[in-house]
């Protein structure tokens, strides 16, 4: 009995299955804007959108444009940041070189000042030695002159010129 009830449904299903719902165009048919049973869509196809869809579409386009602008700004800022970091790195290297050169220059200045002090001390000691030699030469000349005066006949204490004040008599 259940078979009798199911049989009409099976026959109906078989009949529906064989009936085509749409038709396919033949390959030689000209294209009239349709591919198969559907209208052909393309780049220039206009879509009838309602106000909500237009609002969403305009919001999407505005966000897409803002996103592209922000990405461009971000890339520009990244480039500026990298350039600033390179410049800062170069300045840091320059600062290190300058400090190294300054330290070397200060060490050289200290060395030259030490040599200068040594040379001034040597000049001073040579000046003192020269003064001693000149003093001994003058003392020797004075002693020579006194001996010459003592050996000269007829020289008396009256004929000699007056001694300078504060000197020996």
N, C-alpha and C. Protein backbone atom coordinates (compact mmCIF):
# COMPACT_ATOMS: atom_id res chain seq x y z
N UNK A 1 0.78 -1.17 0.00
CA UNK A 1 0.00 0.00 0.00
C UNK A 1 0.85 1.27 0.00
N UNK A 2 1.88 1.24 0.68
CA UNK A 2 2.74 2.42 0.69
C UNK A 2 3.39 2.62 -0.67
N UNK A 3 3.52 1.54 -1.37
CA UNK A 3 4.11 1.65 -2.68
C UNK A 3 3.15 2.37 -3.63
N UNK A 4 1.88 2.12 -3.43
CA UNK A 4 0.89 2.75 -4.27
C UNK A 4 0.85 4.26 -4.00
N UNK A 5 1.11 4.65 -2.83
CA UNK A 5 1.09 6.07 -2.51
C UNK A 5 2.35 6.76 -3.03
N UNK A 6 3.47 6.13 -3.03
CA UNK A 6 4.74 6.72 -3.44
C UNK A 6 4.87 6.73 -4.96
N UNK A 7 4.25 5.81 -5.66
CA UNK A 7 4.40 5.68 -7.10
C UNK A 7 3.98 6.93 -7.84
N UNK A 8 2.84 7.59 -7.53
CA UNK A 8 2.51 8.79 -8.29
C UNK A 8 3.55 9.90 -8.10
N UNK A 9 4.14 9.99 -6.94
CA UNK A 9 5.17 11.02 -6.72
C UNK A 9 6.42 10.72 -7.53
N UNK A 10 6.76 9.47 -7.63
CA UNK A 10 7.93 9.10 -8.42
C UNK A 10 7.70 9.41 -9.89
N UNK A 11 6.53 9.16 -10.38
CA UNK A 11 6.24 9.42 -11.80
C UNK A 11 6.23 10.93 -12.05
N UNK A 12 5.70 11.67 -11.12
CA UNK A 12 5.68 13.12 -11.26
C UNK A 12 7.11 13.68 -11.24
N UNK A 13 7.92 13.16 -10.37
CA UNK A 13 9.32 13.60 -10.28
C UNK A 13 10.07 13.28 -11.57
N UNK A 14 9.85 12.10 -12.13
CA UNK A 14 10.51 11.71 -13.37
C UNK A 14 10.06 12.60 -14.51
N UNK A 15 8.83 12.99 -14.52
CA UNK A 15 8.31 13.84 -15.59
C UNK A 15 8.89 15.24 -15.49
N UNK A 16 9.05 15.76 -14.27
CA UNK A 16 9.62 17.11 -14.06
C UNK A 16 11.10 17.12 -14.40
N UNK A 17 11.74 16.08 -14.18
CA UNK A 17 13.17 16.03 -14.41
C UNK A 17 13.50 16.11 -15.89
N UNK A 18 12.69 15.62 -16.74
CA UNK A 18 12.96 15.60 -18.17
C UNK A 18 12.59 16.90 -18.86
N UNK A 19 11.80 17.77 -18.23
CA UNK A 19 11.35 19.00 -18.87
C UNK A 19 12.41 20.08 -18.65
N UNK A 20 12.94 20.70 -19.74
CA UNK A 20 13.92 21.76 -19.55
C UNK A 20 13.26 23.05 -19.03
N UNK A 21 13.93 23.66 -18.03
CA UNK A 21 13.39 24.89 -17.45
C UNK A 21 13.77 26.11 -18.29
N UNK A 22 14.93 26.13 -18.89
CA UNK A 22 15.38 27.23 -19.73
C UNK A 22 15.93 26.65 -21.01
N UNK A 23 16.30 27.49 -21.91
CA UNK A 23 16.88 26.96 -23.13
C UNK A 23 18.26 27.59 -23.32
N UNK A 24 19.14 26.82 -23.86
CA UNK A 24 20.50 27.29 -24.16
C UNK A 24 20.50 27.76 -25.61
N UNK A 25 21.12 28.92 -25.88
CA UNK A 25 21.18 29.35 -27.28
C UNK A 25 22.15 28.47 -28.05
N UNK A 26 21.91 28.41 -29.29
CA UNK A 26 22.79 27.61 -30.16
C UNK A 26 24.06 28.42 -30.41
N UNK A 27 25.16 27.76 -30.71
CA UNK A 27 26.41 28.49 -30.93
C UNK A 27 26.33 29.49 -32.07
N UNK A 28 25.48 29.29 -33.02
CA UNK A 28 25.40 30.22 -34.15
C UNK A 28 24.47 31.40 -33.88
N UNK A 29 23.75 31.41 -32.76
CA UNK A 29 22.87 32.54 -32.42
C UNK A 29 23.72 33.77 -32.11
N UNK A 30 23.28 34.98 -32.57
CA UNK A 30 24.04 36.19 -32.24
C UNK A 30 23.85 36.56 -30.77
N UNK A 31 24.91 37.21 -30.21
CA UNK A 31 24.82 37.64 -28.82
C UNK A 31 23.94 38.88 -28.76
N UNK A 32 22.95 38.84 -27.94
CA UNK A 32 22.07 39.99 -27.79
C UNK A 32 22.12 40.54 -26.37
N UNK A 33 23.28 40.41 -25.73
CA UNK A 33 23.42 40.90 -24.37
C UNK A 33 23.14 39.83 -23.34
N UNK A 34 22.88 38.65 -23.80
CA UNK A 34 22.59 37.56 -22.87
C UNK A 34 23.55 36.42 -23.11
N UNK A 35 24.02 35.81 -22.02
CA UNK A 35 24.77 34.57 -22.12
C UNK A 35 23.91 33.53 -21.45
N UNK A 36 23.47 32.63 -22.20
CA UNK A 36 22.54 31.65 -21.65
C UNK A 36 21.23 32.36 -21.37
N UNK A 37 20.73 32.19 -20.18
CA UNK A 37 19.48 32.85 -19.82
C UNK A 37 19.73 34.09 -18.98
N UNK A 38 21.00 34.40 -18.70
CA UNK A 38 21.34 35.55 -17.85
C UNK A 38 21.86 36.71 -18.68
N UNK A 39 21.53 37.91 -18.27
CA UNK A 39 22.01 39.10 -18.96
C UNK A 39 23.51 39.22 -18.73
N UNK A 40 24.23 39.59 -19.75
CA UNK A 40 25.69 39.71 -19.65
C UNK A 40 26.02 41.00 -18.90
N UNK A 41 26.88 40.89 -17.91
CA UNK A 41 27.28 42.05 -17.12
C UNK A 41 28.72 42.40 -17.47
N UNK A 42 29.06 43.68 -17.38
CA UNK A 42 30.41 44.12 -17.69
C UNK A 42 30.76 45.34 -16.88
N UNK A 43 31.83 46.01 -17.29
CA UNK A 43 32.33 47.17 -16.57
C UNK A 43 31.33 48.32 -16.65
N UNK A 44 30.71 48.49 -17.77
CA UNK A 44 29.81 49.62 -17.98
C UNK A 44 28.36 49.30 -17.60
N UNK A 45 28.13 48.15 -17.02
CA UNK A 45 26.76 47.78 -16.67
C UNK A 45 26.30 48.65 -15.51
N UNK A 46 25.16 49.26 -15.63
CA UNK A 46 24.63 50.08 -14.57
C UNK A 46 23.79 49.21 -13.66
N UNK A 47 23.92 49.46 -12.36
CA UNK A 47 23.18 48.69 -11.39
C UNK A 47 22.19 49.64 -10.73
N UNK A 48 20.98 49.22 -10.60
CA UNK A 48 19.97 50.05 -9.95
C UNK A 48 20.07 49.80 -8.45
N UNK A 49 20.64 50.78 -7.76
CA UNK A 49 20.83 50.65 -6.32
C UNK A 49 19.85 51.54 -5.60
N UNK A 50 19.43 51.11 -4.45
CA UNK A 50 18.55 51.92 -3.63
C UNK A 50 19.35 52.90 -2.80
N UNK A 51 18.69 53.75 -2.00
CA UNK A 51 19.40 54.76 -1.21
C UNK A 51 20.33 54.15 -0.17
N UNK A 52 19.98 53.04 0.42
CA UNK A 52 20.86 52.43 1.42
C UNK A 52 22.12 51.88 0.76
N UNK A 53 21.94 51.26 -0.42
CA UNK A 53 23.11 50.73 -1.12
C UNK A 53 24.01 51.87 -1.61
N UNK A 54 23.41 52.96 -2.08
CA UNK A 54 24.21 54.12 -2.51
C UNK A 54 25.00 54.69 -1.33
N UNK A 55 24.35 54.79 -0.17
CA UNK A 55 25.02 55.31 1.03
C UNK A 55 26.18 54.40 1.41
N UNK A 56 25.96 53.09 1.39
CA UNK A 56 27.04 52.15 1.72
C UNK A 56 28.16 52.21 0.70
N UNK A 57 27.78 52.31 -0.58
CA UNK A 57 28.79 52.37 -1.64
C UNK A 57 29.63 53.64 -1.51
N UNK A 58 28.97 54.78 -1.29
CA UNK A 58 29.73 56.03 -1.16
C UNK A 58 30.60 56.00 0.09
N UNK A 59 30.08 55.42 1.18
CA UNK A 59 30.89 55.29 2.40
C UNK A 59 32.09 54.39 2.16
N UNK A 60 31.87 53.31 1.43
CA UNK A 60 32.97 52.38 1.13
C UNK A 60 34.03 53.07 0.27
N UNK A 61 33.59 53.81 -0.75
CA UNK A 61 34.54 54.51 -1.62
C UNK A 61 35.32 55.56 -0.83
N UNK A 62 34.63 56.29 0.06
CA UNK A 62 35.30 57.31 0.87
C UNK A 62 36.33 56.65 1.80
N UNK A 63 35.94 55.54 2.41
CA UNK A 63 36.89 54.83 3.29
C UNK A 63 38.06 54.28 2.51
N UNK A 64 37.79 53.78 1.31
CA UNK A 64 38.89 53.25 0.47
C UNK A 64 39.86 54.37 0.10
N UNK A 65 39.31 55.53 -0.26
CA UNK A 65 40.17 56.68 -0.60
C UNK A 65 40.97 57.15 0.62
N UNK A 66 40.29 57.22 1.77
CA UNK A 66 40.98 57.61 3.01
C UNK A 66 42.07 56.60 3.35
N UNK A 67 41.77 55.34 3.17
CA UNK A 67 42.76 54.29 3.47
C UNK A 67 43.97 54.42 2.56
N UNK A 68 43.73 54.67 1.27
CA UNK A 68 44.85 54.84 0.33
C UNK A 68 45.68 56.06 0.71
N UNK A 69 44.99 57.16 1.09
CA UNK A 69 45.71 58.38 1.49
C UNK A 69 46.53 58.13 2.75
N UNK A 70 45.92 57.44 3.72
CA UNK A 70 46.65 57.13 4.96
C UNK A 70 47.84 56.21 4.70
N UNK A 71 47.68 55.25 3.79
CA UNK A 71 48.81 54.39 3.45
C UNK A 71 49.94 55.19 2.82
N UNK A 72 49.57 56.14 1.94
CA UNK A 72 50.59 56.99 1.31
C UNK A 72 51.29 57.86 2.36
N UNK A 73 50.49 58.45 3.27
CA UNK A 73 51.07 59.26 4.34
C UNK A 73 51.97 58.42 5.23
N UNK A 74 51.54 57.21 5.53
CA UNK A 74 52.33 56.30 6.35
C UNK A 74 53.66 55.99 5.68
N UNK A 75 53.63 55.71 4.38
CA UNK A 75 54.87 55.42 3.65
C UNK A 75 55.78 56.64 3.65
N UNK A 76 55.19 57.84 3.43
CA UNK A 76 56.00 59.06 3.46
C UNK A 76 56.64 59.27 4.83
N UNK A 77 55.85 59.04 5.88
CA UNK A 77 56.40 59.20 7.23
C UNK A 77 57.47 58.16 7.52
N UNK A 78 57.29 56.95 7.02
CA UNK A 78 58.32 55.92 7.20
C UNK A 78 59.61 56.34 6.49
N UNK A 79 59.47 56.87 5.27
CA UNK A 79 60.65 57.33 4.53
C UNK A 79 61.35 58.46 5.27
N UNK A 80 60.56 59.41 5.79
CA UNK A 80 61.15 60.51 6.55
C UNK A 80 61.83 59.99 7.82
N UNK A 81 61.20 59.03 8.46
CA UNK A 81 61.76 58.45 9.68
C UNK A 81 63.09 57.77 9.38
N UNK A 82 63.13 56.99 8.30
CA UNK A 82 64.38 56.32 7.94
C UNK A 82 65.46 57.33 7.58
N UNK A 83 65.07 58.38 6.85
CA UNK A 83 66.05 59.42 6.50
C UNK A 83 66.55 60.11 7.76
N UNK A 84 65.65 60.38 8.70
CA UNK A 84 66.07 61.01 9.96
C UNK A 84 66.99 60.10 10.76
N UNK A 85 66.67 58.81 10.76
CA UNK A 85 67.53 57.87 11.49
C UNK A 85 68.90 57.78 10.84
N UNK A 86 68.94 57.77 9.50
CA UNK A 86 70.24 57.75 8.82
C UNK A 86 71.03 59.01 9.13
N UNK A 87 70.35 60.15 9.11
CA UNK A 87 71.01 61.42 9.42
C UNK A 87 71.51 61.42 10.85
N UNK A 88 70.67 60.93 11.78
CA UNK A 88 71.05 60.86 13.19
C UNK A 88 72.23 59.92 13.38
N UNK A 89 72.22 58.81 12.68
CA UNK A 89 73.33 57.87 12.77
C UNK A 89 74.61 58.51 12.24
N UNK A 90 74.50 59.24 11.12
CA UNK A 90 75.65 59.95 10.57
C UNK A 90 76.17 61.01 11.53
N UNK A 91 75.24 61.73 12.15
CA UNK A 91 75.64 62.75 13.13
C UNK A 91 76.29 62.11 14.34
N UNK A 92 75.77 60.96 14.77
CA UNK A 92 76.38 60.24 15.90
C UNK A 92 77.80 59.81 15.57
N UNK A 93 77.97 59.28 14.36
CA UNK A 93 79.32 58.89 13.94
C UNK A 93 80.24 60.10 13.88
N UNK A 94 79.70 61.21 13.37
CA UNK A 94 80.48 62.45 13.30
C UNK A 94 80.87 62.92 14.70
N UNK A 95 79.94 62.81 15.64
CA UNK A 95 80.21 63.22 17.02
C UNK A 95 81.29 62.34 17.63
N UNK A 96 81.22 61.04 17.39
CA UNK A 96 82.25 60.13 17.92
C UNK A 96 83.61 60.48 17.33
N UNK A 97 83.65 60.74 16.01
CA UNK A 97 84.92 61.11 15.37
C UNK A 97 85.45 62.42 15.94
N UNK A 98 84.55 63.39 16.12
CA UNK A 98 84.96 64.69 16.67
C UNK A 98 85.51 64.55 18.08
N UNK A 99 84.84 63.73 18.90
CA UNK A 99 85.34 63.52 20.26
C UNK A 99 86.69 62.83 20.25
N UNK A 100 86.86 61.86 19.37
CA UNK A 100 88.14 61.17 19.26
C UNK A 100 89.24 62.14 18.84
N UNK A 101 88.94 62.96 17.82
CA UNK A 101 89.93 63.95 17.36
C UNK A 101 90.22 64.98 18.45
N UNK A 102 89.20 65.38 19.19
CA UNK A 102 89.40 66.35 20.27
C UNK A 102 90.29 65.75 21.35
N UNK A 103 90.05 64.49 21.71
CA UNK A 103 90.88 63.83 22.72
C UNK A 103 92.33 63.74 22.24
N UNK A 104 92.50 63.38 20.96
CA UNK A 104 93.86 63.30 20.42
C UNK A 104 94.52 64.68 20.42
N UNK A 105 93.76 65.71 20.03
CA UNK A 105 94.31 67.07 20.00
C UNK A 105 94.69 67.53 21.41
N UNK A 106 93.83 67.23 22.40
CA UNK A 106 94.16 67.62 23.78
C UNK A 106 95.39 66.90 24.27
N UNK A 107 95.54 65.62 23.92
CA UNK A 107 96.73 64.88 24.31
C UNK A 107 97.98 65.48 23.64
N UNK A 108 97.83 65.86 22.37
CA UNK A 108 98.95 66.47 21.66
C UNK A 108 99.29 67.83 22.26
N UNK A 109 98.27 68.61 22.62
CA UNK A 109 98.50 69.91 23.25
C UNK A 109 99.23 69.71 24.58
N UNK A 110 98.80 68.73 25.37
CA UNK A 110 99.47 68.45 26.64
C UNK A 110 100.92 68.06 26.43
N UNK A 111 101.16 67.24 25.41
CA UNK A 111 102.55 66.83 25.11
C UNK A 111 103.39 68.03 24.68
N UNK A 112 102.81 68.89 23.83
CA UNK A 112 103.56 70.07 23.38
C UNK A 112 103.81 71.03 24.53
N UNK A 113 102.83 71.19 25.43
CA UNK A 113 103.04 72.06 26.59
C UNK A 113 104.14 71.50 27.49
N UNK A 114 104.19 70.19 27.65
CA UNK A 114 105.25 69.58 28.46
C UNK A 114 106.61 69.83 27.81
N UNK A 115 106.69 69.67 26.49
CA UNK A 115 107.96 69.93 25.79
C UNK A 115 108.35 71.40 25.94
N UNK A 116 107.35 72.29 25.84
CA UNK A 116 107.62 73.72 25.99
C UNK A 116 108.17 74.02 27.38
N UNK A 117 107.57 73.43 28.42
CA UNK A 117 108.07 73.65 29.79
C UNK A 117 109.50 73.14 29.92
N UNK A 118 109.77 71.97 29.33
CA UNK A 118 111.12 71.41 29.40
C UNK A 118 112.11 72.33 28.69
N UNK A 119 111.70 72.85 27.50
CA UNK A 119 112.59 73.75 26.77
C UNK A 119 112.79 75.06 27.52
N UNK A 120 111.73 75.60 28.13
CA UNK A 120 111.88 76.83 28.92
C UNK A 120 112.79 76.60 30.11
N UNK A 121 112.66 75.44 30.75
CA UNK A 121 113.54 75.12 31.88
C UNK A 121 114.99 75.01 31.41
N UNK A 122 115.19 74.41 30.27
CA UNK A 122 116.54 74.26 29.73
C UNK A 122 117.11 75.63 29.37
N UNK A 123 116.26 76.49 28.72
CA UNK A 123 116.71 77.84 28.38
C UNK A 123 117.07 78.62 29.64
N UNK A 124 116.23 78.48 30.67
CA UNK A 124 116.49 79.16 31.93
C UNK A 124 117.80 78.67 32.55
N UNK A 125 117.99 77.35 32.56
CA UNK A 125 119.24 76.81 33.14
C UNK A 125 120.45 77.25 32.31
N UNK A 126 120.30 77.30 30.96
CA UNK A 126 121.40 77.78 30.13
C UNK A 126 121.65 79.27 30.36
N UNK A 127 120.56 80.04 30.57
CA UNK A 127 120.72 81.46 30.87
C UNK A 127 121.44 81.65 32.19
N UNK A 128 121.10 80.84 33.20
CA UNK A 128 121.79 80.92 34.50
C UNK A 128 123.25 80.55 34.33
N UNK A 129 123.50 79.50 33.58
CA UNK A 129 124.89 79.07 33.35
C UNK A 129 125.66 80.15 32.59
N UNK A 130 125.03 80.79 31.62
CA UNK A 130 125.68 81.86 30.86
C UNK A 130 125.99 83.04 31.79
N UNK A 131 125.02 83.38 32.65
CA UNK A 131 125.24 84.48 33.58
C UNK A 131 126.40 84.16 34.52
N UNK A 132 126.50 82.90 34.99
CA UNK A 132 127.61 82.50 35.86
C UNK A 132 128.94 82.61 35.12
N UNK A 133 128.91 82.16 33.82
CA UNK A 133 130.14 82.26 33.04
C UNK A 133 130.53 83.71 32.81
N UNK A 134 129.56 84.56 32.51
CA UNK A 134 129.85 85.98 32.32
C UNK A 134 130.35 86.59 33.61
N UNK A 135 129.76 86.19 34.74
CA UNK A 135 130.19 86.70 36.04
C UNK A 135 131.64 86.27 36.31
N UNK A 136 131.90 85.01 36.05
CA UNK A 136 133.28 84.53 36.30
C UNK A 136 134.26 85.22 35.34
N UNK A 137 133.80 85.49 34.07
CA UNK A 137 134.68 86.18 33.13
C UNK A 137 134.93 87.61 33.60
N UNK A 138 133.88 88.28 34.09
CA UNK A 138 134.05 89.64 34.60
C UNK A 138 134.93 89.67 35.85
N UNK A 139 134.71 88.71 36.74
CA UNK A 139 135.56 88.63 37.94
C UNK A 139 137.02 88.38 37.55
N UNK A 140 137.20 87.55 36.51
CA UNK A 140 138.57 87.30 36.05
C UNK A 140 139.17 88.58 35.47
N UNK A 141 138.40 89.37 34.71
CA UNK A 141 138.89 90.63 34.15
C UNK A 141 139.20 91.62 35.26
N UNK A 142 138.32 91.67 36.28
CA UNK A 142 138.55 92.57 37.41
C UNK A 142 139.84 92.18 38.12
N UNK A 143 140.01 90.90 38.36
CA UNK A 143 141.23 90.42 39.02
C UNK A 143 142.44 90.75 38.16
N UNK A 144 142.32 90.60 36.86
CA UNK A 144 143.42 90.91 35.94
C UNK A 144 143.75 92.39 35.99
N UNK A 145 142.72 93.23 36.01
CA UNK A 145 142.95 94.66 36.06
C UNK A 145 143.57 95.08 37.39
N UNK A 146 143.14 94.44 38.47
CA UNK A 146 143.73 94.77 39.78
C UNK A 146 145.19 94.35 39.81
N UNK A 147 145.52 93.26 39.25
CA UNK A 147 146.93 92.86 39.21
C UNK A 147 147.73 93.80 38.33
N UNK A 148 147.09 94.22 37.24
CA UNK A 148 147.78 95.16 36.36
C UNK A 148 148.00 96.48 37.09
N UNK A 149 147.05 96.91 37.85
CA UNK A 149 147.18 98.15 38.60
C UNK A 149 148.23 98.02 39.70
N UNK A 150 148.31 96.89 40.31
CA UNK A 150 149.29 96.69 41.37
C UNK A 150 150.71 96.63 40.79
N UNK A 151 150.86 96.16 39.62
CA UNK A 151 152.18 96.04 39.02
C UNK A 151 152.63 97.32 38.35
N UNK A 152 151.78 98.24 38.16
CA UNK A 152 152.17 99.49 37.53
C UNK A 152 152.96 100.32 38.57
N UNK A 153 154.22 100.78 38.22
CA UNK A 153 154.99 101.56 39.18
C UNK A 153 154.43 102.97 39.31
N UNK A 154 154.45 103.51 40.42
CA UNK A 154 154.05 104.89 40.69
C UNK A 154 152.56 105.03 40.85
N UNK A 155 151.85 103.98 40.89
CA UNK A 155 150.40 104.13 41.07
C UNK A 155 150.13 104.18 42.56
N UNK A 156 149.43 105.16 42.91
CA UNK A 156 149.10 105.29 44.33
C UNK A 156 147.61 105.31 44.45
N UNK A 157 147.19 105.31 45.66
CA UNK A 157 145.76 105.29 45.90
C UNK A 157 145.12 106.59 45.49
N UNK A 158 145.92 107.72 45.31
CA UNK A 158 145.34 109.00 44.97
C UNK A 158 145.03 109.07 43.49
N UNK A 159 145.83 108.39 42.71
CA UNK A 159 145.62 108.46 41.27
C UNK A 159 144.43 107.62 40.79
N UNK A 160 143.99 106.76 41.59
CA UNK A 160 142.90 105.87 41.14
C UNK A 160 141.58 106.63 41.21
N UNK A 161 140.75 106.34 40.32
CA UNK A 161 139.44 107.02 40.34
C UNK A 161 138.65 106.58 41.56
N UNK A 162 137.71 107.40 41.90
CA UNK A 162 136.91 107.12 43.09
C UNK A 162 136.07 105.87 42.84
N UNK A 163 135.99 105.11 43.88
CA UNK A 163 135.21 103.86 43.78
C UNK A 163 133.73 104.21 43.81
N UNK A 164 132.95 103.44 43.17
CA UNK A 164 131.52 103.74 43.17
C UNK A 164 130.93 103.56 44.56
N UNK A 165 129.85 104.25 44.81
CA UNK A 165 129.23 104.19 46.12
C UNK A 165 128.71 102.80 46.38
N UNK A 166 128.97 102.27 47.56
CA UNK A 166 128.49 100.93 47.90
C UNK A 166 129.45 99.87 47.44
N UNK A 167 130.55 100.23 46.82
CA UNK A 167 131.48 99.22 46.34
C UNK A 167 132.65 99.06 47.29
N UNK A 168 133.64 98.25 47.00
CA UNK A 168 134.81 98.01 47.83
C UNK A 168 135.77 99.18 47.68
N UNK A 169 136.54 99.46 48.74
CA UNK A 169 137.53 100.55 48.68
C UNK A 169 138.92 100.01 48.76
